[in-house]
């Protein structure tokens, strides 16, 4: 059974033709998306969910993608905007990003990227990994993006330094606005 599934998945990749790099797949996300951000609250260890709107713009250079996300962080804070500018380096298999949010320091990180599944431009999986921090502690960070037509799911897992276990941190579920 495992051999059949492996052979079937290989045929899907062969039938789909060459697999585009992550920059091309991320550029294909251009447009407006709406959905929710679900995250694990550290104090209560419970899931919380808030509405989010995201606009993605791919620049004509083929390697730069801008994302602007807006969510309501409650009556005391109000609307929060997070802007991320990403520059892909296909030769290195990385993306370097600068993330801006009012009241926070600019976050700069470089992630390694892998296209782990590909059927076509609207059905794929990209896994990004980087060293960073979670809850102000060193950790390995992994974001798995899955595009399934008009749906995009990004799941962030963290692996605290010195452990082998990955833990869920947050998930963004978006639907492309038509």
Protein backbone atom coordinates (compact mmCIF):
# COMPACT_ATOMS: atom_id res chain seq x y z
CA UNK A 1 0.00 0.00 0.00
CA UNK A 2 2.81 2.45 0.89
CA UNK A 3 4.56 1.73 -2.42
CA UNK A 4 1.32 2.40 -4.32
CA UNK A 5 0.77 5.71 -2.51
CA UNK A 6 4.37 6.79 -3.16
CA UNK A 7 4.08 5.84 -6.83
CA UNK A 8 0.75 7.68 -7.13
CA UNK A 9 2.18 10.82 -5.55
CA UNK A 10 5.23 10.69 -7.83
CA UNK A 11 2.94 10.38 -10.86
CA UNK A 12 1.02 13.44 -9.67
CA UNK A 13 4.25 15.44 -9.49
CA UNK A 14 5.40 14.19 -12.90
CA UNK A 15 2.00 14.87 -14.45
CA UNK A 16 2.01 18.37 -12.99
CA UNK A 17 5.28 19.23 -14.72
CA UNK A 18 8.14 21.11 -13.11
CA UNK A 19 7.49 22.37 -9.60
CA UNK A 20 7.68 26.18 -9.41
CA UNK A 21 9.78 27.74 -6.68
CA UNK A 22 8.21 29.23 -3.56
CA UNK A 23 8.53 32.78 -4.93
CA UNK A 24 6.27 31.97 -7.87
CA UNK A 25 3.73 30.20 -5.66
CA UNK A 26 3.70 33.06 -3.14
CA UNK A 27 3.27 35.57 -6.00
CA UNK A 28 0.17 33.60 -7.02
CA UNK A 29 -1.44 34.57 -3.70
CA UNK A 30 -1.84 38.19 -4.84
CA UNK A 31 -5.24 39.60 -3.94
CA UNK A 32 -7.51 40.09 -0.96
CA UNK A 33 -8.12 37.34 1.59
CA UNK A 34 -10.40 37.17 4.66
CA UNK A 35 -10.64 34.71 7.49
CA UNK A 36 -9.44 34.12 11.02
CA UNK A 37 -6.33 33.89 13.16
CA UNK A 38 -6.49 31.23 15.85
CA UNK A 39 -3.79 31.20 18.50
CA UNK A 40 -2.88 29.49 21.76
CA UNK A 41 -3.05 31.88 24.70
CA UNK A 42 0.00 31.32 26.94
CA UNK A 43 -1.77 32.28 30.17
CA UNK A 44 -4.84 30.06 29.75
CA UNK A 45 -3.47 27.53 27.22
CA UNK A 46 -6.79 27.94 25.38
CA UNK A 47 -7.45 28.72 21.75
CA UNK A 48 -8.58 32.23 20.86
CA UNK A 49 -9.74 33.33 17.44
CA UNK A 50 -10.05 36.73 15.80
CA UNK A 51 -11.12 37.88 12.33
CA UNK A 52 -8.36 38.94 9.94
CA UNK A 53 -8.20 40.59 6.52
CA UNK A 54 -5.05 40.24 4.42
CA UNK A 55 -4.01 41.86 1.18
CA UNK A 56 -1.11 40.30 -0.72
CA UNK A 57 0.74 42.08 -3.49
CA UNK A 58 3.39 40.49 -5.69
CA UNK A 59 5.85 42.97 -7.18
CA UNK A 60 6.87 42.65 -10.85
CA UNK A 61 10.43 41.58 -9.96
CA UNK A 62 9.09 38.07 -9.28
CA UNK A 63 10.77 37.76 -5.87
CA UNK A 64 9.16 40.42 -3.64
CA UNK A 65 5.82 39.90 -1.91
CA UNK A 66 4.06 42.38 0.39
CA UNK A 67 1.41 41.31 2.91
CA UNK A 68 -0.75 43.68 4.92
CA UNK A 69 -2.94 42.06 7.55
CA UNK A 70 -5.53 43.81 9.70
CA UNK A 71 -7.31 42.46 12.76
CA UNK A 72 -9.24 43.91 15.69
CA UNK A 73 -7.36 43.41 18.95
CA UNK A 74 -10.24 44.46 21.20
CA UNK A 75 -11.67 47.76 22.49
CA UNK A 76 -8.47 48.95 24.20
CA UNK A 77 -6.22 48.45 21.17
CA UNK A 78 -8.56 48.50 18.17
CA UNK A 79 -7.37 47.81 14.64
CA UNK A 80 -3.88 46.32 14.35
CA UNK A 81 -1.94 46.28 11.10
CA UNK A 82 0.95 43.92 10.42
CA UNK A 83 2.94 44.61 7.25
CA UNK A 84 5.47 42.10 5.95
CA UNK A 85 7.86 42.65 3.04
CA UNK A 86 9.44 39.40 1.82
CA UNK A 87 12.31 38.90 -0.61
CA UNK A 88 12.78 35.38 -2.01
CA UNK A 89 16.18 33.95 -2.92
CA UNK A 90 15.39 30.91 -5.05
CA UNK A 91 19.05 29.87 -5.40
CA UNK A 92 19.48 29.74 -1.61
CA UNK A 93 15.97 28.36 -1.01
CA UNK A 94 15.22 31.15 1.47
CA UNK A 95 12.98 34.13 2.04
CA UNK A 96 14.04 37.14 4.10
CA UNK A 97 11.27 39.20 5.65
CA UNK A 98 10.83 42.42 7.58
CA UNK A 99 7.65 42.60 9.65
CA UNK A 100 6.28 45.89 10.95
CA UNK A 101 3.68 46.41 13.67
CA UNK A 102 2.94 49.63 15.56
CA UNK A 103 4.48 49.57 19.03
CA UNK A 104 6.83 46.67 18.24
CA UNK A 105 10.42 46.56 17.03
CA UNK A 106 10.89 45.60 13.40
CA UNK A 107 11.26 41.83 13.08
CA UNK A 108 13.74 40.59 10.50
CA UNK A 109 14.16 36.90 9.76
CA UNK A 110 15.36 34.54 7.08
CA UNK A 111 13.55 31.24 6.64
CA UNK A 112 14.47 28.18 4.60
CA UNK A 113 11.68 27.17 2.23
CA UNK A 114 10.65 23.84 0.77
CA UNK A 115 7.79 23.15 -1.62
CA UNK A 116 6.72 19.82 -0.12
CA UNK A 117 3.64 19.21 -2.26
CA UNK A 118 2.56 20.57 -5.63
CA UNK A 119 -0.35 19.75 -7.91
CA UNK A 120 -0.83 23.09 -9.65
CA UNK A 121 -0.59 26.84 -8.95
CA UNK A 122 -3.62 26.69 -6.65
CA UNK A 123 -2.85 23.44 -4.80
CA UNK A 124 0.45 23.22 -2.96
CA UNK A 125 2.28 23.11 0.38
CA UNK A 126 5.29 25.18 1.41
CA UNK A 127 7.16 24.64 4.68
CA UNK A 128 9.26 27.49 6.10
CA UNK A 129 11.67 27.00 9.03
CA UNK A 130 13.91 29.34 11.00
CA UNK A 131 15.56 29.76 14.37
CA UNK A 132 13.84 32.38 16.49
CA UNK A 133 11.99 32.72 19.75
CA UNK A 134 8.60 31.87 21.17
CA UNK A 135 7.32 33.33 24.43
CA UNK A 136 10.71 35.10 24.66
CA UNK A 137 12.57 31.77 24.66
CA UNK A 138 14.83 30.33 21.90
CA UNK A 139 12.96 28.00 19.56
CA UNK A 140 12.86 26.54 16.07
CA UNK A 141 9.87 27.94 14.17
CA UNK A 142 8.00 26.16 11.39
CA UNK A 143 5.18 27.57 9.26
CA UNK A 144 3.33 25.19 6.96
CA UNK A 145 1.30 26.94 4.26
CA UNK A 146 -1.28 24.89 2.38
CA UNK A 147 -3.12 26.36 -0.58
CA UNK A 148 -6.22 24.48 -1.65
CA UNK A 149 -7.84 26.54 -4.39
CA UNK A 150 -9.37 29.62 -2.79
CA UNK A 151 -8.36 28.51 0.72
CA UNK A 152 -5.01 29.22 2.39
CA UNK A 153 -4.02 27.76 5.75
CA UNK A 154 -0.81 28.76 7.53
CA UNK A 155 0.00 26.77 10.67
CA UNK A 156 2.85 27.84 12.95
CA UNK A 157 4.49 25.26 15.20
CA UNK A 158 7.37 25.86 17.60
CA UNK A 159 10.08 23.58 18.91
CA UNK A 160 11.61 24.98 22.11
CA UNK A 161 15.41 24.74 22.18
CA UNK A 162 16.61 21.46 23.64
CA UNK A 163 13.41 19.54 22.86
CA UNK A 164 12.39 17.28 19.98
CA UNK A 165 8.68 18.06 20.25
CA UNK A 166 6.83 20.54 18.05
CA UNK A 167 3.93 22.47 19.63
CA UNK A 168 1.10 24.31 17.90
CA UNK A 169 1.30 28.12 18.19
CA UNK A 170 -1.20 29.64 15.75
CA UNK A 171 -3.14 29.10 12.54
CA UNK A 172 -4.41 31.52 9.93
CA UNK A 173 -7.34 30.34 7.80
CA UNK A 174 -8.03 32.56 4.79
CA UNK A 175 -10.42 32.48 1.85
CA UNK A 176 -9.64 34.49 -1.27
CA UNK A 177 -12.19 37.24 -1.86
CA UNK A 178 -13.54 37.08 -5.39
